[in-house]
Amino acid sequence: MYDFTFEDLVGDEKVFFAEYFDKKPLLRKNAMPGDVRDILSVRKLDELLHMESIRPPYIKVNHNGSGVPEKGYTRSVVVQGVNITDTVVPEKIYELFRAGATVTWCSLNQIVPELRDFTRVISDKMAVRTDVVGFMTPTKKRGYLPHHDPVDLFIVQLEGTKRWKLWDLPAQREGDNASYTDEELGEPAIEVLLEPGDVLYLPYNTPHAAAAEDQVSLHLSIMMRPRMWKDLLRETFEQAASGPEFNQYPHIGALRDAGTEALFRQKIAALAARMDALDSGAELDRLAELGRTMPGSSHGTTFQTIAETDRITPSVLLRRTAAVVEFGANDGGRTQMTVNGHKIAVPTPVAETLAGLEADVPAGDIFPGVDPERATKAAQGLTRLGVLEVAPH
């Protein structure tokens, strides 16, 4: 496990957000601690390539500035009776790499569990969708033509060295992709050599080009997908417009009712009033949490938790999880609970105990007046459902 922090990537957070974020590139030499090959290595990519399950779009090949058609390095295989038409052929990837092609490993956080630490750390801070892409470029070769990307980038050099040329941000930033010729860009504003452990931050739409030096180069591009004001406002609008008063079906075509236009104005006014009444701080917190839970950085240990449930003894401390539990009414001494889509009826005293549970409690003592062994068995069942969890030591 490779340990790192957001500060390893950006240095002083206050300085980063005040002077560099969304404004200009930042270079941090020797920023990442320890041996960065523990993050990902050329050797690890050899192993990954031979897993016989890698297929586009997780891997792409670019040669002389152009993408190599996938048919040039894939084949059909039969897996458990199912025909998979685009499995990567390692030998063909190696042939292309020997010929000078760059091999791009897309969304590595979806196939290398350790790399989800990068997406999780960044998503927690930035509240955006984050993905990790690996670029392996042969000696003395340029991976891609000069271009800019619609994402912010943290570049982490892992093996070899790579010389980067950076140009000034365009006056109008559209958040799109674009390629350039060397003649269009002229002389670069910044030229830097990245060595293992170095980190380079690029705001979205920063024109750049990079070439390996005297060794094979491997670097990660940690891509942060910007959430523009228009994106945030759209999410807030959808939340505000979700009320029942906006759920009628108007006829707005030919021969529409004469009052439809006036009603439309009323709906706009009602929506504006709801937007104006929003608690802006609470809404920004909600939007940030939505960003942190976007695909690409989730993690969990549910399998392990369920497996360990059988080993819960009366002395093991338990606590309520963050799962939302709905409690029904007392019906003849039993109360229906709903959690994670499951409905279960439990004795009302048990439901009342769970509803009021705030501190860590031994499994055998969790339900007052119940035999410790029976209480533990009941607690095991509730743990499997996600109502309880073992308290950390």
Protein backbone atom coordinates (compact mmCIF):
# COMPACT_ATOMS: atom_id res chain seq x y z
CA MET A 1 0.00 0.00 0.00
CA TYR A 2 1.43 3.38 -1.04
CA ASP A 3 0.63 6.15 1.45
CA PHE A 4 0.32 9.74 0.31
CA THR A 5 -1.71 12.85 1.05
CA PHE A 6 -3.30 15.64 -0.97
CA GLU A 7 -0.53 17.90 0.35
CA ASP A 8 2.06 15.68 -1.37
CA LEU A 9 0.46 16.64 -4.66
CA VAL A 10 -0.11 20.37 -4.07
CA GLY A 11 2.15 21.44 -1.20
CA ASP A 12 0.59 24.19 0.89
CA GLU A 13 -3.16 23.91 0.22
CA LYS A 14 -3.87 27.59 0.85
CA VAL A 15 -1.16 28.64 -1.60
CA PHE A 16 -2.33 26.10 -4.17
CA PHE A 17 -5.96 27.25 -4.16
CA ALA A 18 -5.06 30.95 -3.98
CA GLU A 19 -2.33 31.05 -6.64
CA TYR A 20 -2.49 27.98 -8.89
CA PHE A 21 -5.87 26.23 -8.94
CA ASP A 22 -7.65 27.02 -12.23
CA LYS A 23 -5.01 29.69 -12.95
CA LYS A 24 -1.58 28.34 -13.90
CA PRO A 25 0.63 25.23 -13.79
CA LEU A 26 2.45 24.13 -10.65
CA LEU A 27 5.64 22.04 -10.62
CA ARG A 28 6.67 20.18 -7.45
CA LYS A 29 10.02 18.43 -7.69
CA ASN A 30 10.48 15.22 -5.70
CA ALA A 31 7.03 15.69 -4.20
CA MET A 32 5.85 12.10 -3.73
CA PRO A 33 7.29 10.16 -0.78
CA GLY A 34 9.11 6.81 -1.02
CA ASP A 35 9.54 4.67 -4.13
CA VAL A 36 6.86 5.80 -6.58
CA ARG A 37 7.11 2.49 -8.43
CA ASP A 38 5.04 1.17 -5.53
CA ILE A 39 2.18 3.20 -7.04
CA LEU A 40 2.53 1.59 -10.46
CA SER A 41 5.47 0.23 -12.39
CA VAL A 42 6.35 -0.92 -15.89
CA ARG A 43 6.66 -4.42 -14.47
CA LYS A 44 3.13 -4.21 -13.04
CA LEU A 45 1.81 -3.19 -16.46
CA ASP A 46 3.45 -6.28 -17.98
CA GLU A 47 1.49 -8.38 -15.52
CA LEU A 48 -1.71 -6.46 -16.21
CA LEU A 49 -1.33 -6.85 -19.96
CA HIS A 50 -1.13 -10.63 -19.61
CA MET A 51 -4.27 -10.93 -17.47
CA GLU A 52 -6.24 -11.91 -20.62
CA SER A 53 -9.09 -9.66 -19.57
CA ILE A 54 -7.81 -6.23 -20.68
CA ARG A 55 -9.75 -4.76 -23.57
CA PRO A 56 -10.51 -1.35 -25.04
CA PRO A 57 -11.38 1.25 -23.88
CA TYR A 58 -9.09 0.45 -20.93
CA ILE A 59 -6.11 0.38 -23.27
CA LYS A 60 -5.33 2.52 -26.31
CA VAL A 61 -2.30 2.83 -28.58
CA ASN A 62 -1.07 6.01 -30.27
CA HIS A 63 1.64 5.99 -32.94
CA ASN A 64 3.10 9.07 -34.60
CA GLY A 65 0.32 11.24 -33.25
CA SER A 66 -2.54 9.02 -34.44
CA GLY A 67 -4.60 6.35 -32.72
CA VAL A 68 -3.98 2.76 -33.82
CA PRO A 69 -7.26 0.99 -34.75
CA GLU A 70 -8.26 -1.48 -32.04
CA LYS A 71 -8.43 -4.34 -34.55
CA GLY A 72 -4.68 -4.00 -34.91
CA TYR A 73 -4.04 -5.31 -31.40
CA THR A 74 -7.15 -7.28 -30.34
CA ARG A 75 -8.62 -10.71 -31.04
CA SER A 76 -11.68 -12.81 -30.20
CA VAL A 77 -11.53 -15.32 -27.35
CA VAL A 78 -14.12 -17.55 -25.72
CA VAL A 79 -14.57 -17.08 -21.96
CA GLN A 80 -16.97 -19.47 -20.20
CA GLY A 81 -18.76 -20.05 -23.47
CA VAL A 82 -19.09 -16.34 -24.28
CA ASN A 83 -17.31 -14.86 -27.29
CA ILE A 84 -15.30 -11.76 -26.33
CA THR A 85 -14.45 -9.96 -29.55
CA ASP A 86 -11.86 -7.40 -28.45
CA THR A 87 -9.41 -8.92 -25.99
CA VAL A 88 -5.94 -7.37 -26.20
CA VAL A 89 -3.11 -9.46 -27.71
CA PRO A 90 0.02 -8.73 -25.61
CA GLU A 91 2.45 -9.59 -28.41
CA LYS A 92 0.84 -7.03 -30.74
CA ILE A 93 0.98 -4.33 -28.06
CA TYR A 94 4.68 -5.09 -27.58
CA GLU A 95 5.30 -4.87 -31.36
CA LEU A 96 3.66 -1.44 -31.48
CA PHE A 97 5.60 -0.28 -28.42
CA ARG A 98 8.90 -1.40 -30.00
CA ALA A 99 7.94 0.60 -33.08
CA GLY A 100 7.61 3.77 -30.96
CA ALA A 101 3.93 3.81 -29.99
CA THR A 102 2.67 5.16 -26.67
CA VAL A 103 0.45 2.79 -24.72
CA THR A 104 -2.30 4.56 -22.80
CA TRP A 105 -4.01 2.81 -19.87
CA CYS A 106 -7.38 4.45 -19.30
CA SER A 107 -9.36 4.53 -16.04
CA LEU A 108 -6.76 2.47 -14.21
CA ASN A 109 -8.65 3.19 -10.99
CA GLN A 110 -11.30 0.79 -12.28
CA ILE A 111 -8.87 -2.13 -12.75
CA VAL A 112 -6.09 -1.47 -10.21
CA PRO A 113 -7.67 -1.16 -6.73
CA GLU A 114 -4.67 0.67 -5.20
CA LEU A 115 -5.09 3.55 -7.64
CA ARG A 116 -8.54 4.30 -6.25
CA ASP A 117 -6.67 5.87 -3.33
CA PHE A 118 -5.66 8.66 -5.73
CA THR A 119 -9.19 9.23 -6.96
CA ARG A 120 -10.60 9.08 -3.43
CA VAL A 121 -8.07 11.55 -1.95
CA ILE A 122 -8.62 14.05 -4.75
CA SER A 123 -12.41 13.63 -4.93
CA ASP A 124 -12.64 14.22 -1.18
CA LYS A 125 -10.88 17.57 -1.59
CA MET A 126 -12.16 18.69 -4.97
CA ALA A 127 -15.68 17.16 -5.03
CA VAL A 128 -15.33 16.13 -8.69
CA ARG A 129 -15.23 12.95 -10.76
CA THR A 130 -11.64 11.71 -10.88
CA ASP A 131 -9.95 9.09 -13.08
CA VAL A 132 -6.39 7.81 -13.38
CA VAL A 133 -4.76 7.32 -16.79
CA GLY A 134 -1.29 5.83 -17.31
CA PHE A 135 0.97 6.79 -20.22
CA MET A 136 3.93 4.58 -21.18
CA THR A 137 6.12 6.13 -23.88
CA PRO A 138 9.22 4.57 -25.53
CA THR A 139 12.64 6.21 -25.28
CA LYS A 140 13.01 9.44 -27.29
CA LYS A 141 9.39 9.39 -28.43
CA ARG A 142 6.61 11.96 -28.11
CA GLY A 143 3.36 10.46 -26.93
CA TYR A 144 0.77 12.78 -28.46
CA LEU A 145 0.76 15.87 -30.62
CA PRO A 146 0.42 19.19 -28.76
CA HIS A 147 -3.10 19.42 -27.37
CA HIS A 148 -5.22 20.53 -24.46
CA ASP A 149 -7.69 18.52 -22.41
CA PRO A 150 -11.07 19.40 -20.88
CA VAL A 151 -9.86 18.25 -17.44
CA ASP A 152 -7.51 19.45 -14.72
CA LEU A 153 -4.47 17.18 -14.45
CA PHE A 154 -2.07 16.08 -11.76
CA ILE A 155 0.88 14.49 -13.57
CA VAL A 156 2.91 12.05 -11.42
CA GLN A 157 6.14 10.78 -12.98
CA LEU A 158 6.79 7.14 -11.99
CA GLU A 159 9.63 5.78 -14.16
CA GLY A 160 12.07 7.33 -16.61
CA THR A 161 11.95 11.01 -17.44
CA LYS A 162 9.73 13.10 -19.66
CA ARG A 163 10.22 16.61 -20.99
CA TRP A 164 7.08 18.72 -20.95
CA LYS A 165 6.37 21.81 -23.00
CA LEU A 166 3.55 24.04 -21.75
CA TRP A 167 1.89 26.98 -23.45
CA ASP A 168 -0.22 29.77 -21.97
CA LEU A 169 -3.89 29.11 -21.35
CA PRO A 170 -6.14 30.27 -24.21
CA ALA A 171 -7.99 33.53 -23.62
CA GLN A 172 -11.31 31.72 -24.09
CA ARG A 173 -11.51 28.42 -22.23
CA GLU A 174 -14.33 26.27 -23.56
CA GLY A 175 -13.65 23.10 -21.58
CA ASP A 176 -13.15 21.09 -24.78
CA ASN A 177 -10.47 19.00 -26.46
CA ALA A 178 -8.19 20.59 -29.06
CA SER A 179 -5.02 19.65 -30.95
CA TYR A 180 -2.39 22.01 -32.35
CA THR A 181 0.57 22.06 -34.67
CA ASP A 182 3.95 23.23 -33.38
CA GLU A 183 3.67 26.22 -35.72
CA GLU A 184 0.32 27.28 -34.25
CA LEU A 185 1.65 27.37 -30.70
CA GLY A 186 5.10 28.86 -31.23
CA GLU A 187 7.64 28.73 -28.43
CA PRO A 188 6.45 27.18 -25.16
CA ALA A 189 5.97 29.40 -22.12
CA ILE A 190 7.39 26.72 -19.80
CA GLU A 191 9.64 23.72 -20.40
CA VAL A 192 10.26 21.25 -17.56
CA LEU A 193 11.80 17.82 -17.11
CA LEU A 194 9.82 15.45 -14.90
CA GLU A 195 11.73 12.80 -12.96
CA PRO A 196 10.31 10.01 -10.77
CA GLY A 197 8.45 11.53 -7.83
CA ASP A 198 7.83 14.89 -9.52
CA VAL A 199 4.28 16.28 -9.75
CA LEU A 200 2.95 18.75 -12.31
CA TYR A 201 -0.48 20.38 -12.04
CA LEU A 202 -2.18 21.67 -15.20
CA PRO A 203 -5.47 23.61 -15.23
CA TYR A 204 -7.96 22.46 -17.84
CA ASN A 205 -7.29 23.62 -21.43
CA THR A 206 -3.54 24.08 -20.81
CA PRO A 207 -1.81 23.31 -24.15
CA HIS A 208 0.99 20.79 -23.64
CA ALA A 209 3.21 18.17 -25.25
CA ALA A 210 5.58 15.67 -23.68
CA ALA A 211 8.38 13.39 -24.89
CA ALA A 212 10.36 10.64 -23.17
CA GLU A 213 14.10 11.22 -22.78
CA ASP A 214 16.76 8.50 -22.39
CA GLN A 215 14.53 5.81 -20.88
CA VAL A 216 11.03 4.42 -21.21
CA SER A 217 8.72 6.87 -19.44
CA LEU A 218 5.73 5.97 -17.30
CA HIS A 219 3.55 8.65 -15.75
CA LEU A 220 0.06 8.93 -14.35
CA SER A 221 -2.39 11.64 -15.33
CA ILE A 222 -4.94 12.03 -12.56
CA MET A 223 -7.85 13.66 -14.33
CA MET A 224 -10.29 15.90 -12.47
CA ARG A 225 -13.42 16.68 -14.46
CA PRO A 226 -14.41 20.31 -13.74
CA ARG A 227 -17.90 21.02 -12.49
CA MET A 228 -18.67 24.43 -13.96
CA TRP A 229 -21.17 26.84 -12.44
CA LYS A 230 -23.60 25.78 -15.16
CA ASP A 231 -23.24 22.16 -14.00
CA LEU A 232 -23.78 23.04 -10.34
CA LEU A 233 -26.72 25.32 -11.11
CA ARG A 234 -28.29 22.59 -13.24
CA GLU A 235 -28.11 20.17 -10.31
CA THR A 236 -29.57 22.79 -7.97
CA PHE A 237 -32.33 23.57 -10.48
CA GLU A 238 -33.23 19.87 -10.78
CA GLN A 239 -33.47 19.64 -7.01
CA ALA A 240 -35.64 22.78 -6.79
CA ALA A 241 -37.90 21.64 -9.65
CA SER A 242 -38.56 18.22 -8.12
CA GLY A 243 -41.58 19.38 -6.11
CA PRO A 244 -45.11 18.15 -6.94
CA GLU A 245 -46.18 21.60 -8.18
CA PHE A 246 -43.91 21.12 -11.21
CA ASN A 247 -45.18 17.64 -12.05
CA GLN A 248 -48.24 18.52 -14.15
CA TYR A 249 -48.32 17.82 -17.90
CA PRO A 250 -49.14 21.04 -19.80
CA HIS A 251 -50.25 21.21 -23.41
CA ILE A 252 -47.96 23.73 -25.09
CA GLY A 253 -48.52 22.83 -28.76
CA ALA A 254 -51.14 24.04 -31.23
CA LEU A 255 -54.51 25.19 -29.85
CA ARG A 256 -53.10 25.41 -26.32
CA ASP A 257 -55.16 27.01 -23.61
CA ALA A 258 -54.98 30.80 -23.46
CA GLY A 259 -53.92 30.69 -19.80
CA THR A 260 -50.92 28.42 -20.38
CA GLU A 261 -48.53 31.31 -20.90
CA ALA A 262 -49.61 32.97 -17.64
CA LEU A 263 -49.29 29.63 -15.84
CA PHE A 264 -45.83 29.22 -17.29
CA ARG A 265 -44.83 32.58 -15.81
CA GLN A 266 -46.26 31.47 -12.46
CA LYS A 267 -44.15 28.30 -12.53
CA ILE A 268 -41.03 30.32 -13.32
CA ALA A 269 -41.81 32.63 -10.41
CA ALA A 270 -42.42 29.68 -8.09
CA LEU A 271 -39.16 28.06 -9.15
CA ALA A 272 -37.29 31.34 -8.68
CA ALA A 273 -38.76 31.67 -5.20
CA ARG A 274 -37.61 28.16 -4.29
CA MET A 275 -34.13 28.88 -5.64
CA ASP A 276 -33.98 32.18 -3.75
CA ALA A 277 -35.01 30.49 -0.49
CA LEU A 278 -32.21 27.94 -0.67
CA ASP A 279 -29.62 27.85 2.11
CA SER A 280 -26.60 28.44 -0.13
CA GLY A 281 -24.13 26.91 2.32
CA ALA A 282 -26.19 23.76 2.79
CA GLU A 283 -26.75 23.46 -0.97
CA LEU A 284 -23.01 23.77 -1.70
CA ASP A 285 -22.39 21.07 0.91
CA ARG A 286 -24.93 18.85 -0.87
CA LEU A 287 -23.32 19.51 -4.25
CA ALA A 288 -19.89 18.74 -2.82
CA GLU A 289 -21.11 15.44 -1.41
CA LEU A 290 -22.58 14.55 -4.80
CA GLY A 291 -19.15 15.17 -6.31
CA ARG A 292 -17.43 12.98 -3.75
CA THR A 293 -19.74 10.07 -4.49
CA MET A 294 -19.38 10.15 -8.28
CA PRO A 295 -18.18 6.90 -9.90
CA GLY A 296 -14.47 6.19 -9.84
CA SER A 297 -13.52 6.42 -6.18
CA SER A 298 -15.95 4.31 -4.13
CA HIS A 299 -14.59 1.74 -1.70
CA GLY A 300 -15.90 -0.64 0.90
CA THR A 301 -15.29 -3.82 2.87
CA THR A 302 -18.78 -5.34 2.92
CA PHE A 303 -17.64 -8.86 1.99
CA GLN A 304 -15.07 -8.78 4.77
CA THR A 305 -17.58 -7.31 7.22
CA ILE A 306 -20.16 -10.00 6.48
CA ALA A 307 -17.51 -12.73 6.75
CA GLU A 308 -16.41 -11.39 10.16
CA THR A 309 -19.99 -11.22 11.41
CA ASP A 310 -19.95 -14.93 12.23
CA ARG A 311 -17.10 -14.29 14.65
CA ILE A 312 -18.95 -11.71 16.73
CA THR A 313 -18.98 -12.76 20.40
CA PRO A 314 -20.93 -11.24 23.33
CA SER A 315 -17.93 -9.05 24.25
CA VAL A 316 -17.44 -7.50 20.78
CA LEU A 317 -18.39 -3.81 20.70
CA LEU A 318 -21.04 -2.83 18.14
CA ARG A 319 -22.48 0.48 17.01
CA ARG A 320 -25.11 1.81 14.61
CA THR A 321 -23.98 2.31 11.02
CA ALA A 322 -24.74 5.38 8.92
CA ALA A 323 -27.41 3.41 7.03
CA VAL A 324 -30.85 5.02 7.11
CA VAL A 325 -33.30 2.86 9.06
CA GLU A 326 -37.03 3.50 8.87
CA PHE A 327 -39.08 2.35 11.86
CA GLY A 328 -42.76 1.54 11.46
CA ALA A 329 -45.47 1.61 14.12
CA ASN A 330 -45.77 -0.88 16.99
CA ASP A 331 -48.01 -3.66 15.70
CA GLY A 332 -48.86 -6.16 18.41
CA GLY A 333 -45.47 -5.87 20.06
CA ARG A 334 -43.47 -5.99 16.82
CA THR A 335 -42.09 -3.12 14.73
CA GLN A 336 -41.19 -3.26 11.05
CA MET A 337 -37.79 -1.83 10.12
CA THR A 338 -36.65 -0.99 6.59
CA VAL A 339 -32.91 -0.77 5.85
CA ASN A 340 -30.99 -1.07 2.56
CA GLY A 341 -34.17 -2.23 0.84
CA HIS A 342 -34.78 -5.03 3.36
CA LYS A 343 -37.86 -5.16 5.59
CA ILE A 344 -37.71 -7.01 8.87
CA ALA A 345 -40.09 -7.21 11.83
CA VAL A 346 -38.42 -7.17 15.26
CA PRO A 347 -39.75 -7.02 18.82
CA THR A 348 -40.64 -3.41 19.58
CA PRO A 349 -38.16 -3.15 22.51
CA VAL A 350 -35.39 -4.16 20.06
CA ALA A 351 -36.50 -1.46 17.60
CA GLU A 352 -36.60 1.11 20.39
CA THR A 353 -33.09 0.12 21.51
CA LEU A 354 -31.72 0.46 17.97
CA ALA A 355 -33.47 3.80 17.43
CA GLY A 356 -31.81 5.24 20.53
CA LEU A 357 -28.41 3.56 20.20
CA GLU A 358 -25.65 6.16 20.25
CA ALA A 359 -22.67 4.61 22.09
CA ASP A 360 -20.65 1.44 21.42
CA VAL A 361 -22.23 -1.53 23.22
CA PRO A 362 -21.06 -5.16 23.68
CA ALA A 363 -23.10 -7.49 21.46
CA GLY A 364 -24.29 -9.48 24.49
CA ASP A 365 -25.60 -6.38 26.25
CA ILE A 366 -27.12 -4.59 23.27
CA PHE A 367 -30.70 -5.62 24.09
CA PRO A 368 -31.43 -5.20 27.83
CA GLY A 369 -33.08 -8.17 29.47
CA VAL A 370 -32.19 -10.57 26.63
CA ASP A 371 -29.88 -13.54 27.21
CA PRO A 372 -26.36 -12.55 25.99
CA GLU A 373 -26.13 -15.44 23.53
CA ARG A 374 -29.55 -14.64 22.04
CA ALA A 375 -28.70 -10.94 21.94
CA THR A 376 -25.46 -11.73 20.10
CA LYS A 377 -27.26 -13.87 17.51
CA ALA A 378 -29.76 -11.07 16.91
CA ALA A 379 -26.93 -8.55 16.66
CA GLN A 380 -25.17 -10.75 14.07
CA GLY A 381 -28.30 -10.74 11.92
CA LEU A 382 -28.63 -6.97 12.18
CA THR A 383 -24.96 -6.57 11.30
CA ARG A 384 -25.42 -8.62 8.12
CA LEU A 385 -28.30 -6.31 7.17
CA GLY A 386 -26.08 -3.26 7.69
CA VAL A 387 -27.86 -1.85 10.74
CA LEU A 388 -24.91 -2.49 13.07
CA GLU A 389 -21.17 -2.71 12.60
CA VAL A 390 -18.18 -3.70 14.69
CA ALA A 391 -16.79 -0.61 16.41
CA PRO A 392 -13.15 0.18 15.51
CA HIS A 393 -10.58 -0.67 18.16
